[in-house]
Amino acid sequence: MQYGYKSESLRLEREKLLEEQQRLMLKIEQAYAPARLGSQARKLGLKPLLASQVGTQKVGGASQLPAAPALLNPSASFQR
């Protein structure tokens, strides 16, 4: 009989923990949503890059975008 109560108690606790895990995972997904990140960045005073801040490089005579954008004026993107 004691094992039955313990088993039921553990099952309920597991169910409660799984619900909490789902709630926390949803909260994380909402925090990392692009719209949320954009609004938080604007609150910090960050602004989107301008086309003039991204450079290109010549590879074999052809102009290509670099694998990672090279900032021509990095401090300009952190203006407040």
PDB file of N, CA and C in Angstrom:
ATOM      1  N   MET A   1       0.825  -1.191   0.000  1.00  0.00           N
ATOM      2  CA  MET A   1       0.000   0.000   0.000  1.00  0.00           C
ATOM      3  C   MET A   1       0.871   1.258   0.000  1.00  0.00           C
ATOM      4  N   GLN A   2       1.937   1.259   0.823  1.00  0.00           N
ATOM      5  CA  GLN A   2       2.831   2.413   0.916  1.00  0.00           C
ATOM      6  C   GLN A   2       3.479   2.716  -0.432  1.00  0.00           C
ATOM      7  N   TYR A   3       3.837   1.663  -1.172  1.00  0.00           N
ATOM      8  CA  TYR A   3       4.469   1.862  -2.476  1.00  0.00           C
ATOM      9  C   TYR A   3       3.502   2.498  -3.468  1.00  0.00           C
ATOM     10  N   GLY A   4       2.247   2.184  -3.350  1.00  0.00           N
ATOM     11  CA  GLY A   4       1.234   2.770  -4.227  1.00  0.00           C
ATOM     12  C   GLY A   4       1.130   4.271  -4.025  1.00  0.00           C
ATOM     13  N   TYR A   5       1.120   4.711  -2.759  1.00  0.00           N
ATOM     14  CA  TYR A   5       1.050   6.147  -2.460  1.00  0.00           C
ATOM     15  C   TYR A   5       2.307   6.866  -2.951  1.00  0.00           C
ATOM     16  N   LYS A   6       3.454   6.235  -2.713  1.00  0.00           N
ATOM     17  CA  LYS A   6       4.722   6.828  -3.135  1.00  0.00           C
ATOM     18  C   LYS A   6       4.775   6.933  -4.659  1.00  0.00           C
ATOM     19  N   SER A   7       4.336   5.885  -5.334  1.00  0.00           N
ATOM     20  CA  SER A   7       4.328   5.880  -6.791  1.00  0.00           C
ATOM     21  C   SER A   7       3.415   6.982  -7.332  1.00  0.00           C
ATOM     22  N   GLU A   8       2.240   7.135  -6.754  1.00  0.00           N
ATOM     23  CA  GLU A   8       1.306   8.177  -7.180  1.00  0.00           C
ATOM     24  C   GLU A   8       1.881   9.560  -6.898  1.00  0.00           C
ATOM     25  N   SER A   9       2.506   9.726  -5.756  1.00  0.00           N
ATOM     26  CA  SER A   9       3.122  11.001  -5.392  1.00  0.00           C
ATOM     27  C   SER A   9       4.227  11.369  -6.382  1.00  0.00           C
ATOM     28  N   LEU A  10       5.050  10.402  -6.733  1.00  0.00           N
ATOM     29  CA  LEU A  10       6.133  10.645  -7.691  1.00  0.00           C
ATOM     30  C   LEU A  10       5.584  10.939  -9.085  1.00  0.00           C
ATOM     31  N   ARG A  11       4.509  10.264  -9.469  1.00  0.00           N
ATOM     32  CA  ARG A  11       3.896  10.511 -10.771  1.00  0.00           C
ATOM     33  C   ARG A  11       3.364  11.937 -10.847  1.00  0.00           C
ATOM     34  N   LEU A  12       2.704  12.393  -9.776  1.00  0.00           N
ATOM     35  CA  LEU A  12       2.178  13.757  -9.743  1.00  0.00           C
ATOM     36  C   LEU A  12       3.307  14.792  -9.765  1.00  0.00           C
ATOM     37  N   GLU A  13       4.374  14.511  -9.032  1.00  0.00           N
ATOM     38  CA  GLU A  13       5.516  15.427  -9.011  1.00  0.00           C
ATOM     39  C   GLU A  13       6.160  15.505 -10.399  1.00  0.00           C
ATOM     40  N   ARG A  14       6.292  14.360 -11.060  1.00  0.00           N
ATOM     41  CA  ARG A  14       6.862  14.331 -12.410  1.00  0.00           C
ATOM     42  C   ARG A  14       5.994  15.138 -13.370  1.00  0.00           C
ATOM     43  N   GLU A  15       4.687  14.964 -13.271  1.00  0.00           N
ATOM     44  CA  GLU A  15       3.761  15.700 -14.129  1.00  0.00           C
ATOM     45  C   GLU A  15       3.892  17.207 -13.901  1.00  0.00           C
ATOM     46  N   LYS A  16       3.993  17.598 -12.648  1.00  0.00           N
ATOM     47  CA  LYS A  16       4.144  19.014 -12.298  1.00  0.00           C
ATOM     48  C   LYS A  16       5.454  19.572 -12.856  1.00  0.00           C
ATOM     49  N   LEU A  17       6.532  18.805 -12.731  1.00  0.00           N
ATOM     50  CA  LEU A  17       7.835  19.248 -13.231  1.00  0.00           C
ATOM     51  C   LEU A  17       7.849  19.340 -14.757  1.00  0.00           C
ATOM     52  N   LEU A  18       7.184  18.419 -15.428  1.00  0.00           N
ATOM     53  CA  LEU A  18       7.107  18.480 -16.890  1.00  0.00           C
ATOM     54  C   LEU A  18       6.328  19.715 -17.345  1.00  0.00           C
ATOM     55  N   GLU A  19       5.256  20.050 -16.638  1.00  0.00           N
ATOM     56  CA  GLU A  19       4.493  21.260 -16.963  1.00  0.00           C
ATOM     57  C   GLU A  19       5.344  22.507 -16.760  1.00  0.00           C
ATOM     58  N   GLU A  20       6.116  22.529 -15.668  1.00  0.00           N
ATOM     59  CA  GLU A  20       6.992  23.672 -15.409  1.00  0.00           C
ATOM     60  C   GLU A  20       8.074  23.774 -16.484  1.00  0.00           C
ATOM     61  N   GLN A  21       8.618  22.637 -16.893  1.00  0.00           N
ATOM     62  CA  GLN A  21       9.632  22.630 -17.950  1.00  0.00           C
ATOM     63  C   GLN A  21       9.052  23.199 -19.243  1.00  0.00           C
ATOM     64  N   GLN A  22       7.841  22.801 -19.601  1.00  0.00           N
ATOM     65  CA  GLN A  22       7.188  23.325 -20.806  1.00  0.00           C
ATOM     66  C   GLN A  22       7.004  24.833 -20.709  1.00  0.00           C
ATOM     67  N   ARG A  23       6.563  25.304 -19.543  1.00  0.00           N
ATOM     68  CA  ARG A  23       6.347  26.734 -19.327  1.00  0.00           C
ATOM     69  C   ARG A  23       7.658  27.500 -19.481  1.00  0.00           C
ATOM     70  N   LEU A  24       8.732  26.986 -18.909  1.00  0.00           N
ATOM     71  CA  LEU A  24      10.031  27.654 -18.988  1.00  0.00           C
ATOM     72  C   LEU A  24      10.597  27.622 -20.408  1.00  0.00           C
ATOM     73  N   MET A  25      10.389  26.529 -21.115  1.00  0.00           N
ATOM     74  CA  MET A  25      10.868  26.449 -22.501  1.00  0.00           C
ATOM     75  C   MET A  25      10.126  27.454 -23.378  1.00  0.00           C
ATOM     76  N   LEU A  26       8.836  27.622 -23.147  1.00  0.00           N
ATOM     77  CA  LEU A  26       8.062  28.609 -23.894  1.00  0.00           C
ATOM     78  C   LEU A  26       8.560  30.015 -23.593  1.00  0.00           C
ATOM     79  N   LYS A  27       8.879  30.268 -22.334  1.00  0.00           N
ATOM     80  CA  LYS A  27       9.399  31.574 -21.934  1.00  0.00           C
ATOM     81  C   LYS A  27      10.731  31.867 -22.635  1.00  0.00           C
ATOM     82  N   ILE A  28      11.586  30.868 -22.740  1.00  0.00           N
ATOM     83  CA  ILE A  28      12.873  31.025 -23.427  1.00  0.00           C
ATOM     84  C   ILE A  28      12.644  31.312 -24.907  1.00  0.00           C
ATOM     85  N   GLU A  29      11.742  30.552 -25.536  1.00  0.00           N
ATOM     86  CA  GLU A  29      11.453  30.770 -26.961  1.00  0.00           C
ATOM     87  C   GLU A  29      10.930  32.179 -27.203  1.00  0.00           C
ATOM     88  N   GLN A  30      10.081  32.665 -26.319  1.00  0.00           N
ATOM     89  CA  GLN A  30       9.540  34.014 -26.465  1.00  0.00           C
ATOM     90  C   GLN A  30      10.640  35.056 -26.299  1.00  0.00           C
ATOM     91  N   ALA A  31      11.559  34.825 -25.364  1.00  0.00           N
ATOM     92  CA  ALA A  31      12.637  35.785 -25.116  1.00  0.00           C
ATOM     93  C   ALA A  31      13.586  35.884 -26.312  1.00  0.00           C
ATOM     94  N   TYR A  32      13.777  34.781 -27.037  1.00  0.00           N
ATOM     95  CA  TYR A  32      14.705  34.772 -28.166  1.00  0.00           C
ATOM     96  C   TYR A  32      14.023  35.010 -29.512  1.00  0.00           C
ATOM     97  N   ALA A  33      12.740  35.313 -29.505  1.00  0.00           N
ATOM     98  CA  ALA A  33      12.030  35.595 -30.758  1.00  0.00           C
ATOM     99  C   ALA A  33      12.635  36.842 -31.403  1.00  0.00           C
ATOM    100  N   PRO A  34      12.819  36.842 -32.722  1.00  0.00           N
ATOM    101  CA  PRO A  34      13.441  37.992 -33.402  1.00  0.00           C
ATOM    102  C   PRO A  34      12.780  39.330 -33.076  1.00  0.00           C
ATOM    103  N   ALA A  35      11.466  39.370 -33.014  1.00  0.00           N
ATOM    104  CA  ALA A  35      10.782  40.638 -32.713  1.00  0.00           C
ATOM    105  C   ALA A  35      11.148  41.121 -31.313  1.00  0.00           C
ATOM    106  N   ARG A  36      11.219  40.202 -30.377  1.00  0.00           N
ATOM    107  CA  ARG A  36      11.565  40.558 -28.992  1.00  0.00           C
ATOM    108  C   ARG A  36      13.017  41.029 -28.912  1.00  0.00           C
ATOM    109  N   LEU A  37      13.914  40.326 -29.592  1.00  0.00           N
ATOM    110  CA  LEU A  37      15.320  40.731 -29.577  1.00  0.00           C
ATOM    111  C   LEU A  37      15.485  42.113 -30.192  1.00  0.00           C
ATOM    112  N   GLY A  38      14.758  42.369 -31.280  1.00  0.00           N
ATOM    113  CA  GLY A  38      14.836  43.676 -31.935  1.00  0.00           C
ATOM    114  C   GLY A  38      14.371  44.795 -31.029  1.00  0.00           C
ATOM    115  N   SER A  39      13.263  44.576 -30.328  1.00  0.00           N
ATOM    116  CA  SER A  39      12.756  45.629 -29.439  1.00  0.00           C
ATOM    117  C   SER A  39      13.705  45.853 -28.266  1.00  0.00           C
ATOM    118  N   GLN A  40      14.283  44.782 -27.742  1.00  0.00           N
ATOM    119  CA  GLN A  40      15.237  44.926 -26.639  1.00  0.00           C
ATOM    120  C   GLN A  40      16.504  45.639 -27.112  1.00  0.00           C
ATOM    121  N   ALA A  41      16.951  45.345 -28.321  1.00  0.00           N
ATOM    122  CA  ALA A  41      18.141  46.014 -28.873  1.00  0.00           C
ATOM    123  C   ALA A  41      17.881  47.508 -29.022  1.00  0.00           C
ATOM    124  N   ARG A  42      16.680  47.871 -29.500  1.00  0.00           N
ATOM    125  CA  ARG A  42      16.346  49.297 -29.641  1.00  0.00           C
ATOM    126  C   ARG A  42      16.297  49.986 -28.282  1.00  0.00           C
ATOM    127  N   LYS A  43      15.815  49.277 -27.259  1.00  0.00           N
ATOM    128  CA  LYS A  43      15.793  49.856 -25.906  1.00  0.00           C
ATOM    129  C   LYS A  43      17.211  50.146 -25.413  1.00  0.00           C
ATOM    130  N   LEU A  44      18.162  49.325 -25.856  1.00  0.00           N
ATOM    131  CA  LEU A  44      19.565  49.531 -25.484  1.00  0.00           C
ATOM    132  C   LEU A  44      20.235  50.590 -26.349  1.00  0.00           C
ATOM    133  N   GLY A  45      19.504  51.085 -27.332  1.00  0.00           N
ATOM    134  CA  GLY A  45      20.049  52.120 -28.200  1.00  0.00           C
ATOM    135  C   GLY A  45      20.763  51.592 -29.426  1.00  0.00           C
ATOM    136  N   LEU A  46      20.684  50.292 -29.670  1.00  0.00           N
ATOM    137  CA  LEU A  46      21.325  49.722 -30.856  1.00  0.00           C
ATOM    138  C   LEU A  46      20.468  50.009 -32.079  1.00  0.00           C
ATOM    139  N   LYS A  47      21.125  50.179 -33.202  1.00  0.00           N
ATOM    140  CA  LYS A  47      20.432  50.480 -34.451  1.00  0.00           C
ATOM    141  C   LYS A  47      20.845  49.462 -35.503  1.00  0.00           C
ATOM    142  N   PRO A  48      19.978  49.216 -36.500  1.00  0.00           N
ATOM    143  CA  PRO A  48      20.351  48.285 -37.574  1.00  0.00           C
ATOM    144  C   PRO A  48      21.543  48.822 -38.365  1.00  0.00           C
ATOM    145  N   LEU A  49      22.302  47.903 -38.938  1.00  0.00           N
ATOM    146  CA  LEU A  49      23.426  48.307 -39.785  1.00  0.00           C
ATOM    147  C   LEU A  49      22.920  49.020 -41.028  1.00  0.00           C
ATOM    148  N   LEU A  50      23.675  49.994 -41.462  1.00  0.00           N
ATOM    149  CA  LEU A  50      23.399  50.661 -42.733  1.00  0.00           C
ATOM    150  C   LEU A  50      24.221  49.967 -43.805  1.00  0.00           C
ATOM    151  N   ALA A  51      23.761  50.034 -45.037  1.00  0.00           N
ATOM    152  CA  ALA A  51      24.494  49.402 -46.140  1.00  0.00           C
ATOM    153  C   ALA A  51      25.918  49.943 -46.223  1.00  0.00           C
ATOM    154  N   SER A  52      26.104  51.210 -45.870  1.00  0.00           N
ATOM    155  CA  SER A  52      27.437  51.816 -45.947  1.00  0.00           C
ATOM    156  C   SER A  52      28.392  51.275 -44.881  1.00  0.00           C
ATOM    157  N   GLN A  53      27.872  50.556 -43.898  1.00  0.00           N
ATOM    158  CA  GLN A  53      28.716  50.005 -42.844  1.00  0.00           C
ATOM    159  C   GLN A  53      29.221  48.604 -43.172  1.00  0.00           C
ATOM    160  N   VAL A  54      28.734  48.018 -44.254  1.00  0.00           N
ATOM    161  CA  VAL A  54      29.136  46.668 -44.637  1.00  0.00           C
ATOM    162  C   VAL A  54      29.990  46.765 -45.886  1.00  0.00           C
ATOM    163  N   GLY A  55      31.173  46.155 -45.834  1.00  0.00           N
ATOM    164  CA  GLY A  55      32.082  46.217 -46.973  1.00  0.00           C
ATOM    165  C   GLY A  55      32.066  44.934 -47.781  1.00  0.00           C
ATOM    166  N   THR A  56      32.633  45.004 -48.971  1.00  0.00           N
ATOM    167  CA  THR A  56      32.806  43.825 -49.810  1.00  0.00           C
ATOM    168  C   THR A  56      34.289  43.622 -50.039  1.00  0.00           C
ATOM    169  N   GLN A  57      34.643  42.457 -50.507  1.00  0.00           N
ATOM    170  CA  GLN A  57      36.045  42.182 -50.799  1.00  0.00           C
ATOM    171  C   GLN A  57      36.157  41.617 -52.205  1.00  0.00           C
ATOM    172  N   LYS A  58      37.284  41.862 -52.831  1.00  0.00           N
ATOM    173  CA  LYS A  58      37.533  41.366 -54.192  1.00  0.00           C
ATOM    174  C   LYS A  58      38.180  39.989 -54.091  1.00  0.00           C
ATOM    175  N   VAL A  59      37.581  39.022 -54.763  1.00  0.00           N
ATOM    176  CA  VAL A  59      38.126  37.670 -54.815  1.00  0.00           C
ATOM    177  C   VAL A  59      38.191  37.275 -56.283  1.00  0.00           C
ATOM    178  N   GLY A  60      39.394  37.137 -56.778  1.00  0.00           N
ATOM    179  CA  GLY A  60      39.561  36.762 -58.182  1.00  0.00           C
ATOM    180  C   GLY A  60      38.971  37.785 -59.135  1.00  0.00           C
ATOM    181  N   GLY A  61      39.055  39.056 -58.786  1.00  0.00           N
ATOM    182  CA  GLY A  61      38.566  40.116 -59.651  1.00  0.00           C
ATOM    183  C   GLY A  61      37.081  40.401 -59.496  1.00  0.00           C
ATOM    184  N   ALA A  62      36.338  39.520 -58.825  1.00  0.00           N
ATOM    185  CA  ALA A  62      34.898  39.738 -58.639  1.00  0.00           C
ATOM    186  C   ALA A  62      34.641  40.215 -57.211  1.00  0.00           C
ATOM    187  N   SER A  63      33.717  41.117 -57.074  1.00  0.00           N
ATOM    188  CA  SER A  63      33.359  41.632 -55.760  1.00  0.00           C
ATOM    189  C   SER A  63      32.380  40.669 -55.093  1.00  0.00           C
ATOM    190  N   GLN A  64      32.711  40.237 -53.889  1.00  0.00           N
ATOM    191  CA  GLN A  64      31.846  39.322 -53.143  1.00  0.00           C
ATOM    192  C   GLN A  64      31.686  39.832 -51.727  1.00  0.00           C
ATOM    193  N   LEU A  65      30.557  39.479 -51.124  1.00  0.00           N
ATOM    194  CA  LEU A  65      30.392  39.784 -49.708  1.00  0.00           C
ATOM    195  C   LEU A  65      31.285  38.847 -48.916  1.00  0.00           C
ATOM    196  N   PRO A  66      31.905  39.334 -47.853  1.00  0.00           N
ATOM    197  CA  PRO A  66      32.738  38.458 -47.028  1.00  0.00           C
ATOM    198  C   PRO A  66      31.874  37.420 -46.309  1.00  0.00           C
ATOM    199  N   ALA A  67      32.509  36.342 -45.849  1.00  0.00           N
ATOM    200  CA  ALA A  67      31.783  35.297 -45.126  1.00  0.00           C
ATOM    201  C   ALA A  67      31.099  35.886 -43.900  1.00  0.00           C
ATOM    202  N   ALA A  68      31.790  36.775 -43.202  1.00  0.00           N
ATOM    203  CA  ALA A  68      31.202  37.497 -42.076  1.00  0.00           C
ATOM    204  C   ALA A  68      31.285  38.974 -42.426  1.00  0.00           C
ATOM    205  N   PRO A  69      30.201  39.727 -42.238  1.00  0.00           N
ATOM    206  CA  PRO A  69      30.237  41.145 -42.602  1.00  0.00           C
ATOM    207  C   PRO A  69      31.367  41.882 -41.892  1.00  0.00           C
ATOM    208  N   ALA A  70      32.105  42.664 -42.634  1.00  0.00           N
ATOM    209  CA  ALA A  70      33.177  43.480 -42.067  1.00  0.00           C
ATOM    210  C   ALA A  70      32.627  44.882 -41.876  1.00  0.00           C
ATOM    211  N   LEU A  71      32.631  45.349 -40.662  1.00  0.00           N
ATOM    212  CA  LEU A  71      32.125  46.688 -40.387  1.00  0.00           C
ATOM    213  C   LEU A  71      33.172  47.722 -40.778  1.00  0.00           C
ATOM    214  N   LEU A  72      32.759  48.687 -41.568  1.00  0.00           N
ATOM    215  CA  LEU A  72      33.675  49.748 -41.960  1.00  0.00           C
ATOM    216  C   LEU A  72      33.827  50.758 -40.834  1.00  0.00           C
ATOM    217  N   ASN A  73      32.771  50.958 -40.074  1.00  0.00           N
ATOM    218  CA  ASN A  73      32.791  51.888 -38.955  1.00  0.00           C
ATOM    219  C   ASN A  73      32.037  51.233 -37.798  1.00  0.00           C
ATOM    220  N   PRO A  74      32.681  50.302 -37.067  1.00  0.00           N
ATOM    221  CA  PRO A  74      31.978  49.540 -36.040  1.00  0.00           C
ATOM    222  C   PRO A  74      31.346  50.402 -34.953  1.00  0.00           C
ATOM    223  N   SER A  75      31.963  51.509 -34.606  1.00  0.00           N
ATOM    224  CA  SER A  75      31.406  52.327 -33.529  1.00  0.00           C
ATOM    225  C   SER A  75      30.080  52.956 -33.933  1.00  0.00           C
ATOM    226  N   ALA A  76      29.830  53.107 -35.228  1.00  0.00           N
ATOM    227  CA  ALA A  76      28.580  53.716 -35.694  1.00  0.00           C
ATOM    228  C   ALA A  76      27.374  52.853 -35.342  1.00  0.00           C
ATOM    229  N   SER A  77      27.557  51.546 -35.261  1.00  0.00           N
ATOM    230  CA  SER A  77      26.419  50.682 -34.954  1.00  0.00           C
ATOM    231  C   SER A  77      26.081  50.691 -33.468  1.00  0.00           C
ATOM    232  N   PHE A  78      26.916  51.280 -32.643  1.00  0.00           N
ATOM    233  CA  PHE A  78      26.667  51.314 -31.207  1.00  0.00           C
ATOM    234  C   PHE A  78      26.336  52.710 -30.707  1.00  0.00           C
ATOM    235  N   GLN A  79      25.933  53.585 -31.601  1.00  0.00           N
ATOM    236  CA  GLN A  79      25.557  54.938 -31.196  1.00  0.00           C
ATOM    237  C   GLN A  79      24.293  54.882 -30.360  1.00  0.00           C
ATOM    238  N   ARG A  80      24.245  55.705 -29.369  1.00  0.00           N
ATOM    239  CA  ARG A  80      23.050  55.778 -28.515  1.00  0.00           C
ATOM    240  C   ARG A  80      22.362  57.085 -28.712  1.00  0.00           C
TER     241      ARG A  80
END
